[in-house]
Every structure is written in C-alpha cells, then in structure tokens.
Amino acid sequence: MTERRRISHETFEARFFAGARRIAPGIWLDGDGDLHFSVPELLALVELPDTPDNREVVYQLVEDLLRGAHPTATIVRHDPD
C-alpha cells in the first residue's frame, strides 16, 4: 500500500508549475500552452482567506469563465489539500 503524504502548497506549486511561465498573478502557462490557475494565489491577490468555501467560489468563477470562452475545454481541478 502506498503511503500518502501531505505536502505544503508551496511545494505543490513548485512541482506542478515547474517549467511553466507565470503570465499574471495566479495564472500560469505551461509548455503545452495550457493555462493553470493557482487558487490560493488568486485568493491572496484579492485578500480573501484561503478557506474551502472561498476556494470553491474561485473554482466556479474560473470554470464559468473558461466554459464561456472555450466550451469544449477540458477543466481539471487539483486541490493539494
């Protein structure tokens, strides 16, 4: 059985966004041209606490925005917590 470990958000971002280019606070573009959003960074940008409820609001806003602009886009959520 594989042991599950919890990593810090900073460690997660360093691994997940390795090789990506930051194009705006909380928004990254990877080498394949795919967008990635850092929900905790977006929350910090607007000075909101990083809570499950606030994360859900940001997730929903980002998904709605992307669906409006790119209805066939694949959206994958990854919450390190």
PDB file of N, CA and C in Angstrom:
ATOM      1  N   MET A   1       0.842  -1.174   0.000  1.00  0.00           N
ATOM      2  CA  MET A   1       0.000   0.000   0.000  1.00  0.00           C
ATOM      3  C   MET A   1       0.892   1.243   0.000  1.00  0.00           C
ATOM      4  N   THR A   2       0.568   2.199  -0.850  1.00  0.00           N
ATOM      5  CA  THR A   2       1.354   3.422  -0.954  1.00  0.00           C
ATOM      6  C   THR A   2       1.005   4.375   0.178  1.00  0.00           C
ATOM      7  N   GLU A   3       2.030   4.912   0.796  1.00  0.00           N
ATOM      8  CA  GLU A   3       1.818   5.878   1.872  1.00  0.00           C
ATOM      9  C   GLU A   3       1.462   7.225   1.266  1.00  0.00           C
ATOM     10  N   ARG A   4       0.415   7.862   1.794  1.00  0.00           N
ATOM     11  CA  ARG A   4       0.025   9.186   1.327  1.00  0.00           C
ATOM     12  C   ARG A   4       0.635  10.216   2.258  1.00  0.00           C
ATOM     13  N   ARG A   5       1.257  11.220   1.637  1.00  0.00           N
ATOM     14  CA  ARG A   5       1.845  12.297   2.418  1.00  0.00           C
ATOM     15  C   ARG A   5       1.218  13.607   1.991  1.00  0.00           C
ATOM     16  N   ARG A   6       1.089  14.500   2.912  1.00  0.00           N
ATOM     17  CA  ARG A   6       0.587  15.833   2.603  1.00  0.00           C
ATOM     18  C   ARG A   6       1.784  16.745   2.387  1.00  0.00           C
ATOM     19  N   ILE A   7       1.768  17.494   1.296  1.00  0.00           N
ATOM     20  CA  ILE A   7       2.854  18.426   1.028  1.00  0.00           C
ATOM     21  C   ILE A   7       2.310  19.847   1.163  1.00  0.00           C
ATOM     22  N   SER A   8       3.203  20.788   1.382  1.00  0.00           N
ATOM     23  CA  SER A   8       2.781  22.179   1.512  1.00  0.00           C
ATOM     24  C   SER A   8       2.326  22.706   0.158  1.00  0.00           C
ATOM     25  N   HIS A   9       1.547  23.769   0.204  1.00  0.00           N
ATOM     26  CA  HIS A   9       1.085  24.384  -1.039  1.00  0.00           C
ATOM     27  C   HIS A   9       2.273  24.889  -1.854  1.00  0.00           C
ATOM     28  N   GLU A  10       3.287  25.427  -1.184  1.00  0.00           N
ATOM     29  CA  GLU A  10       4.469  25.942  -1.880  1.00  0.00           C
ATOM     30  C   GLU A  10       5.203  24.821  -2.618  1.00  0.00           C
ATOM     31  N   THR A  11       5.334  23.671  -1.976  1.00  0.00           N
ATOM     32  CA  THR A  11       5.984  22.527  -2.609  1.00  0.00           C
ATOM     33  C   THR A  11       5.166  22.038  -3.794  1.00  0.00           C
ATOM     34  N   PHE A  12       3.855  21.981  -3.624  1.00  0.00           N
ATOM     35  CA  PHE A  12       2.974  21.570  -4.715  1.00  0.00           C
ATOM     36  C   PHE A  12       3.156  22.493  -5.916  1.00  0.00           C
ATOM     37  N   GLU A  13       3.088  23.808  -5.693  1.00  0.00           N
ATOM     38  CA  GLU A  13       3.226  24.750  -6.806  1.00  0.00           C
ATOM     39  C   GLU A  13       4.586  24.625  -7.476  1.00  0.00           C
ATOM     40  N   ALA A  14       5.642  24.442  -6.689  1.00  0.00           N
ATOM     41  CA  ALA A  14       6.981  24.328  -7.269  1.00  0.00           C
ATOM     42  C   ALA A  14       7.059  23.117  -8.187  1.00  0.00           C
ATOM     43  N   ARG A  15       6.425  22.021  -7.805  1.00  0.00           N
ATOM     44  CA  ARG A  15       6.441  20.814  -8.636  1.00  0.00           C
ATOM     45  C   ARG A  15       5.467  20.913  -9.808  1.00  0.00           C
ATOM     46  N   PHE A  16       4.258  21.374  -9.518  1.00  0.00           N
ATOM     47  CA  PHE A  16       3.214  21.397 -10.534  1.00  0.00           C
ATOM     48  C   PHE A  16       3.501  22.424 -11.621  1.00  0.00           C
ATOM     49  N   PHE A  17       4.041  23.565 -11.242  1.00  0.00           N
ATOM     50  CA  PHE A  17       4.280  24.633 -12.191  1.00  0.00           C
ATOM     51  C   PHE A  17       5.722  24.656 -12.710  1.00  0.00           C
ATOM     52  N   ALA A  18       6.475  23.607 -12.463  1.00  0.00           N
ATOM     53  CA  ALA A  18       7.851  23.550 -12.959  1.00  0.00           C
ATOM     54  C   ALA A  18       7.843  23.666 -14.472  1.00  0.00           C
ATOM     55  N   GLY A  19       8.618  24.593 -15.009  1.00  0.00           N
ATOM     56  CA  GLY A  19       8.678  24.795 -16.441  1.00  0.00           C
ATOM     57  C   GLY A  19       7.571  25.674 -16.992  1.00  0.00           C
ATOM     58  N   ALA A  20       6.636  26.070 -16.139  1.00  0.00           N
ATOM     59  CA  ALA A  20       5.553  26.945 -16.585  1.00  0.00           C
ATOM     60  C   ALA A  20       5.987  28.403 -16.462  1.00  0.00           C
ATOM     61  N   ARG A  21       5.286  29.253 -17.194  1.00  0.00           N
ATOM     62  CA  ARG A  21       5.597  30.678 -17.178  1.00  0.00           C
ATOM     63  C   ARG A  21       4.426  31.415 -16.556  1.00  0.00           C
ATOM     64  N   ARG A  22       4.718  32.216 -15.553  1.00  0.00           N
ATOM     65  CA  ARG A  22       3.680  32.997 -14.892  1.00  0.00           C
ATOM     66  C   ARG A  22       3.302  34.154 -15.813  1.00  0.00           C
ATOM     67  N   ILE A  23       2.014  34.235 -16.171  1.00  0.00           N
ATOM     68  CA  ILE A  23       1.581  35.308 -17.067  1.00  0.00           C
ATOM     69  C   ILE A  23       0.790  36.389 -16.337  1.00  0.00           C
ATOM     70  N   ALA A  24       0.342  36.090 -15.129  1.00  0.00           N
ATOM     71  CA  ALA A  24      -0.368  37.045 -14.278  1.00  0.00           C
ATOM     72  C   ALA A  24      -0.409  36.448 -12.881  1.00  0.00           C
ATOM     73  N   PRO A  25      -0.679  37.256 -11.869  1.00  0.00           N
ATOM     74  CA  PRO A  25      -0.779  36.669 -10.529  1.00  0.00           C
ATOM     75  C   PRO A  25      -1.809  35.534 -10.503  1.00  0.00           C
ATOM     76  N   GLY A  26      -1.352  34.362 -10.118  1.00  0.00           N
ATOM     77  CA  GLY A  26      -2.237  33.211 -10.005  1.00  0.00           C
ATOM     78  C   GLY A  26      -2.525  32.479 -11.301  1.00  0.00           C
ATOM     79  N   ILE A  27      -1.919  32.916 -12.414  1.00  0.00           N
ATOM     80  CA  ILE A  27      -2.187  32.286 -13.712  1.00  0.00           C
ATOM     81  C   ILE A  27      -0.868  31.920 -14.384  1.00  0.00           C
ATOM     82  N   TRP A  28      -0.769  30.654 -14.790  1.00  0.00           N
ATOM     83  CA  TRP A  28       0.456  30.105 -15.366  1.00  0.00           C
ATOM     84  C   TRP A  28       0.149  29.492 -16.726  1.00  0.00           C
ATOM     85  N   LEU A  29       1.119  29.525 -17.608  1.00  0.00           N
ATOM     86  CA  LEU A  29       1.024  28.911 -18.928  1.00  0.00           C
ATOM     87  C   LEU A  29       2.130  27.868 -19.021  1.00  0.00           C
ATOM     88  N   ASP A  30       1.735  26.608 -19.263  1.00  0.00           N
ATOM     89  CA  ASP A  30       2.760  25.563 -19.318  1.00  0.00           C
ATOM     90  C   ASP A  30       3.341  25.457 -20.722  1.00  0.00           C
ATOM     91  N   GLY A  31       4.301  24.564 -20.885  1.00  0.00           N
ATOM     92  CA  GLY A  31       4.992  24.400 -22.164  1.00  0.00           C
ATOM     93  C   GLY A  31       4.091  23.927 -23.296  1.00  0.00           C
ATOM     94  N   ASP A  32       2.936  23.339 -22.967  1.00  0.00           N
ATOM     95  CA  ASP A  32       1.986  22.888 -23.983  1.00  0.00           C
ATOM     96  C   ASP A  32       0.953  23.962 -24.331  1.00  0.00           C
ATOM     97  N   GLY A  33       1.053  25.127 -23.670  1.00  0.00           N
ATOM     98  CA  GLY A  33       0.094  26.201 -23.917  1.00  0.00           C
ATOM     99  C   GLY A  33      -1.173  26.100 -23.098  1.00  0.00           C
ATOM    100  N   ASP A  34      -1.173  25.221 -22.102  1.00  0.00           N
ATOM    101  CA  ASP A  34      -2.345  25.065 -21.244  1.00  0.00           C
ATOM    102  C   ASP A  34      -2.268  26.034 -20.071  1.00  0.00           C
ATOM    103  N   LEU A  35      -3.418  26.608 -19.708  1.00  0.00           N
ATOM    104  CA  LEU A  35      -3.484  27.512 -18.567  1.00  0.00           C
ATOM    105  C   LEU A  35      -3.631  26.732 -17.273  1.00  0.00           C
ATOM    106  N   HIS A  36      -3.021  27.256 -16.236  1.00  0.00           N
ATOM    107  CA  HIS A  36      -3.152  26.708 -14.890  1.00  0.00           C
ATOM    108  C   HIS A  36      -3.413  27.874 -13.957  1.00  0.00           C
ATOM    109  N   PHE A  37      -4.340  27.661 -13.020  1.00  0.00           N
ATOM    110  CA  PHE A  37      -4.702  28.707 -12.074  1.00  0.00           C
ATOM    111  C   PHE A  37      -4.332  28.263 -10.667  1.00  0.00           C
ATOM    112  N   SER A  38      -3.681  29.138  -9.926  1.00  0.00           N
ATOM    113  CA  SER A  38      -3.356  28.880  -8.534  1.00  0.00           C
ATOM    114  C   SER A  38      -4.429  29.557  -7.690  1.00  0.00           C
ATOM    115  N   VAL A  39      -5.372  28.768  -7.211  1.00  0.00           N
ATOM    116  CA  VAL A  39      -6.494  29.319  -6.457  1.00  0.00           C
ATOM    117  C   VAL A  39      -6.031  30.024  -5.181  1.00  0.00           C
ATOM    118  N   PRO A  40      -5.125  29.444  -4.383  1.00  0.00           N
ATOM    119  CA  PRO A  40      -4.659  30.173  -3.207  1.00  0.00           C
ATOM    120  C   PRO A  40      -4.001  31.512  -3.563  1.00  0.00           C
ATOM    121  N   GLU A  41      -3.269  31.552  -4.664  1.00  0.00           N
ATOM    122  CA  GLU A  41      -2.635  32.806  -5.072  1.00  0.00           C
ATOM    123  C   GLU A  41      -3.685  33.827  -5.512  1.00  0.00           C
ATOM    124  N   LEU A  42      -4.723  33.378  -6.203  1.00  0.00           N
ATOM    125  CA  LEU A  42      -5.798  34.284  -6.599  1.00  0.00           C
ATOM    126  C   LEU A  42      -6.541  34.821  -5.377  1.00  0.00           C
ATOM    127  N   LEU A  43      -6.765  33.970  -4.387  1.00  0.00           N
ATOM    128  CA  LEU A  43      -7.408  34.422  -3.148  1.00  0.00           C
ATOM    129  C   LEU A  43      -6.552  35.459  -2.432  1.00  0.00           C
ATOM    130  N   ALA A  44      -5.258  35.207  -2.362  1.00  0.00           N
ATOM    131  CA  ALA A  44      -4.353  36.156  -1.705  1.00  0.00           C
ATOM    132  C   ALA A  44      -4.341  37.490  -2.446  1.00  0.00           C
ATOM    133  N   LEU A  45      -4.449  37.440  -3.758  1.00  0.00           N
ATOM    134  CA  LEU A  45      -4.437  38.654  -4.568  1.00  0.00           C
ATOM    135  C   LEU A  45      -5.588  39.593  -4.190  1.00  0.00           C
ATOM    136  N   VAL A  46      -6.734  39.021  -3.885  1.00  0.00           N
ATOM    137  CA  VAL A  46      -7.892  39.838  -3.513  1.00  0.00           C
ATOM    138  C   VAL A  46      -8.113  39.869  -1.997  1.00  0.00           C
ATOM    139  N   GLU A  47      -7.080  39.438  -1.278  1.00  0.00           N
ATOM    140  CA  GLU A  47      -7.042  39.499   0.186  1.00  0.00           C
ATOM    141  C   GLU A  47      -8.204  38.764   0.854  1.00  0.00           C
ATOM    142  N   LEU A  48      -8.503  37.568   0.337  1.00  0.00           N
ATOM    143  CA  LEU A  48      -9.503  36.707   0.958  1.00  0.00           C
ATOM    144  C   LEU A  48      -8.802  35.524   1.600  1.00  0.00           C
ATOM    145  N   PRO A  49      -9.324  35.039   2.725  1.00  0.00           N
ATOM    146  CA  PRO A  49      -8.696  33.879   3.360  1.00  0.00           C
ATOM    147  C   PRO A  49      -8.843  32.625   2.501  1.00  0.00           C
ATOM    148  N   ASP A  50      -7.851  31.777   2.586  1.00  0.00           N
ATOM    149  CA  ASP A  50      -7.841  30.522   1.838  1.00  0.00           C
ATOM    150  C   ASP A  50      -8.644  29.487   2.618  1.00  0.00           C
ATOM    151  N   THR A  51      -9.944  29.457   2.358  1.00  0.00           N
ATOM    152  CA  THR A  51     -10.839  28.508   3.024  1.00  0.00           C
ATOM    153  C   THR A  51     -11.484  27.623   1.956  1.00  0.00           C
ATOM    154  N   PRO A  52     -12.011  26.476   2.344  1.00  0.00           N
ATOM    155  CA  PRO A  52     -12.686  25.624   1.357  1.00  0.00           C
ATOM    156  C   PRO A  52     -13.821  26.349   0.625  1.00  0.00           C
ATOM    157  N   ASP A  53     -14.601  27.147   1.337  1.00  0.00           N
ATOM    158  CA  ASP A  53     -15.697  27.872   0.694  1.00  0.00           C
ATOM    159  C   ASP A  53     -15.186  28.892  -0.312  1.00  0.00           C
ATOM    160  N   ASN A  54     -14.150  29.643   0.051  1.00  0.00           N
ATOM    161  CA  ASN A  54     -13.598  30.634  -0.872  1.00  0.00           C
ATOM    162  C   ASN A  54     -12.951  29.958  -2.077  1.00  0.00           C
ATOM    163  N   ARG A  55     -12.280  28.840  -1.846  1.00  0.00           N
ATOM    164  CA  ARG A  55     -11.697  28.103  -2.976  1.00  0.00           C
ATOM    165  C   ARG A  55     -12.783  27.668  -3.950  1.00  0.00           C
ATOM    166  N   GLU A  56     -13.884  27.183  -3.420  1.00  0.00           N
ATOM    167  CA  GLU A  56     -14.979  26.721  -4.283  1.00  0.00           C
ATOM    168  C   GLU A  56     -15.530  27.866  -5.124  1.00  0.00           C
ATOM    169  N   VAL A  57     -15.659  29.046  -4.540  1.00  0.00           N
ATOM    170  CA  VAL A  57     -16.139  30.207  -5.290  1.00  0.00           C
ATOM    171  C   VAL A  57     -15.179  30.524  -6.440  1.00  0.00           C
ATOM    172  N   VAL A  58     -13.871  30.520  -6.157  1.00  0.00           N
ATOM    173  CA  VAL A  58     -12.890  30.819  -7.210  1.00  0.00           C
ATOM    174  C   VAL A  58     -12.892  29.724  -8.269  1.00  0.00           C
ATOM    175  N   TYR A  59     -12.934  28.470  -7.851  1.00  0.00           N
ATOM    176  CA  TYR A  59     -13.007  27.375  -8.825  1.00  0.00           C
ATOM    177  C   TYR A  59     -14.193  27.586  -9.763  1.00  0.00           C
ATOM    178  N   GLN A  60     -15.351  27.894  -9.187  1.00  0.00           N
ATOM    179  CA  GLN A  60     -16.557  28.053 -10.000  1.00  0.00           C
ATOM    180  C   GLN A  60     -16.432  29.245 -10.946  1.00  0.00           C
ATOM    181  N   LEU A  61     -15.873  30.357 -10.470  1.00  0.00           N
ATOM    182  CA  LEU A  61     -15.689  31.525 -11.328  1.00  0.00           C
ATOM    183  C   LEU A  61     -14.759  31.220 -12.499  1.00  0.00           C
ATOM    184  N   VAL A  62     -13.647  30.544 -12.208  1.00  0.00           N
ATOM    185  CA  VAL A  62     -12.690  30.198 -13.260  1.00  0.00           C
ATOM    186  C   VAL A  62     -13.342  29.238 -14.262  1.00  0.00           C
ATOM    187  N   GLU A  63     -14.047  28.237 -13.766  1.00  0.00           N
ATOM    188  CA  GLU A  63     -14.707  27.285 -14.667  1.00  0.00           C
ATOM    189  C   GLU A  63     -15.747  27.987 -15.537  1.00  0.00           C
ATOM    190  N   ASP A  64     -16.540  28.878 -14.953  1.00  0.00           N
ATOM    191  CA  ASP A  64     -17.554  29.603 -15.720  1.00  0.00           C
ATOM    192  C   ASP A  64     -16.898  30.468 -16.793  1.00  0.00           C
ATOM    193  N   LEU A  65     -15.818  31.137 -16.431  1.00  0.00           N
ATOM    194  CA  LEU A  65     -15.095  31.978 -17.381  1.00  0.00           C
ATOM    195  C   LEU A  65     -14.552  31.145 -18.540  1.00  0.00           C
ATOM    196  N   LEU A  66     -13.914  30.035 -18.205  1.00  0.00           N
ATOM    197  CA  LEU A  66     -13.344  29.182 -19.250  1.00  0.00           C
ATOM    198  C   LEU A  66     -14.420  28.541 -20.123  1.00  0.00           C
ATOM    199  N   ARG A  67     -15.504  28.098 -19.523  1.00  0.00           N
ATOM    200  CA  ARG A  67     -16.596  27.491 -20.298  1.00  0.00           C
ATOM    201  C   ARG A  67     -17.211  28.509 -21.261  1.00  0.00           C
ATOM    202  N   GLY A  68     -17.306  29.761 -20.823  1.00  0.00           N
ATOM    203  CA  GLY A  68     -17.847  30.801 -21.687  1.00  0.00           C
ATOM    204  C   GLY A  68     -16.953  31.074 -22.884  1.00  0.00           C
ATOM    205  N   ALA A  69     -15.642  31.059 -22.662  1.00  0.00           N
ATOM    206  CA  ALA A  69     -14.693  31.361 -23.734  1.00  0.00           C
ATOM    207  C   ALA A  69     -14.357  30.129 -24.570  1.00  0.00           C
ATOM    208  N   HIS A  70     -14.314  28.963 -23.930  1.00  0.00           N
ATOM    209  CA  HIS A  70     -13.912  27.719 -24.605  1.00  0.00           C
ATOM    210  C   HIS A  70     -14.817  26.579 -24.141  1.00  0.00           C
ATOM    211  N   PRO A  71     -16.007  26.474 -24.712  1.00  0.00           N
ATOM    212  CA  PRO A  71     -16.978  25.479 -24.231  1.00  0.00           C
ATOM    213  C   PRO A  71     -16.490  24.036 -24.266  1.00  0.00           C
ATOM    214  N   THR A  72     -15.538  23.719 -25.117  1.00  0.00           N
ATOM    215  CA  THR A  72     -15.080  22.326 -25.215  1.00  0.00           C
ATOM    216  C   THR A  72     -13.788  22.077 -24.427  1.00  0.00           C
ATOM    217  N   ALA A  73     -13.334  23.073 -23.679  1.00  0.00           N
ATOM    218  CA  ALA A  73     -12.095  22.935 -22.907  1.00  0.00           C
ATOM    219  C   ALA A  73     -12.229  21.846 -21.852  1.00  0.00           C
ATOM    220  N   THR A  74     -11.124  21.164 -21.604  1.00  0.00           N
ATOM    221  CA  THR A  74     -11.069  20.202 -20.510  1.00  0.00           C
ATOM    222  C   THR A  74     -10.573  20.934 -19.273  1.00  0.00           C
ATOM    223  N   ILE A  75     -11.360  20.871 -18.223  1.00  0.00           N
ATOM    224  CA  ILE A  75     -11.003  21.547 -16.976  1.00  0.00           C
ATOM    225  C   ILE A  75     -10.755  20.487 -15.914  1.00  0.00           C
ATOM    226  N   VAL A  76      -9.585  20.543 -15.304  1.00  0.00           N
ATOM    227  CA  VAL A  76      -9.205  19.577 -14.288  1.00  0.00           C
ATOM    228  C   VAL A  76      -8.909  20.330 -13.004  1.00  0.00           C
ATOM    229  N   ARG A  77      -9.557  19.920 -11.937  1.00  0.00           N
ATOM    230  CA  ARG A  77      -9.289  20.520 -10.632  1.00  0.00           C
ATOM    231  C   ARG A  77      -8.241  19.674  -9.922  1.00  0.00           C
ATOM    232  N   HIS A  78      -7.298  20.361  -9.304  1.00  0.00           N
ATOM    233  CA  HIS A  78      -6.354  19.660  -8.440  1.00  0.00           C
ATOM    234  C   HIS A  78      -6.180  20.505  -7.206  1.00  0.00           C
ATOM    235  N   ASP A  79      -6.713  20.034  -6.111  1.00  0.00           N
ATOM    236  CA  ASP A  79      -6.606  20.743  -4.849  1.00  0.00           C
ATOM    237  C   ASP A  79      -5.619  19.972  -3.985  1.00  0.00           C
ATOM    238  N   PRO A  80      -4.470  20.559  -3.681  1.00  0.00           N
ATOM    239  CA  PRO A  80      -3.451  19.825  -2.932  1.00  0.00           C
ATOM    240  C   PRO A  80      -3.868  19.479  -1.520  1.00  0.00           C
ATOM    241  N   ASP A  81      -4.923  20.091  -1.014  1.00  0.00           N
ATOM    242  CA  ASP A  81      -5.389  19.777   0.347  1.00  0.00           C
ATOM    243  C   ASP A  81      -6.316  18.636   0.231  1.00  0.00           C
TER     244      ASP A  81
END
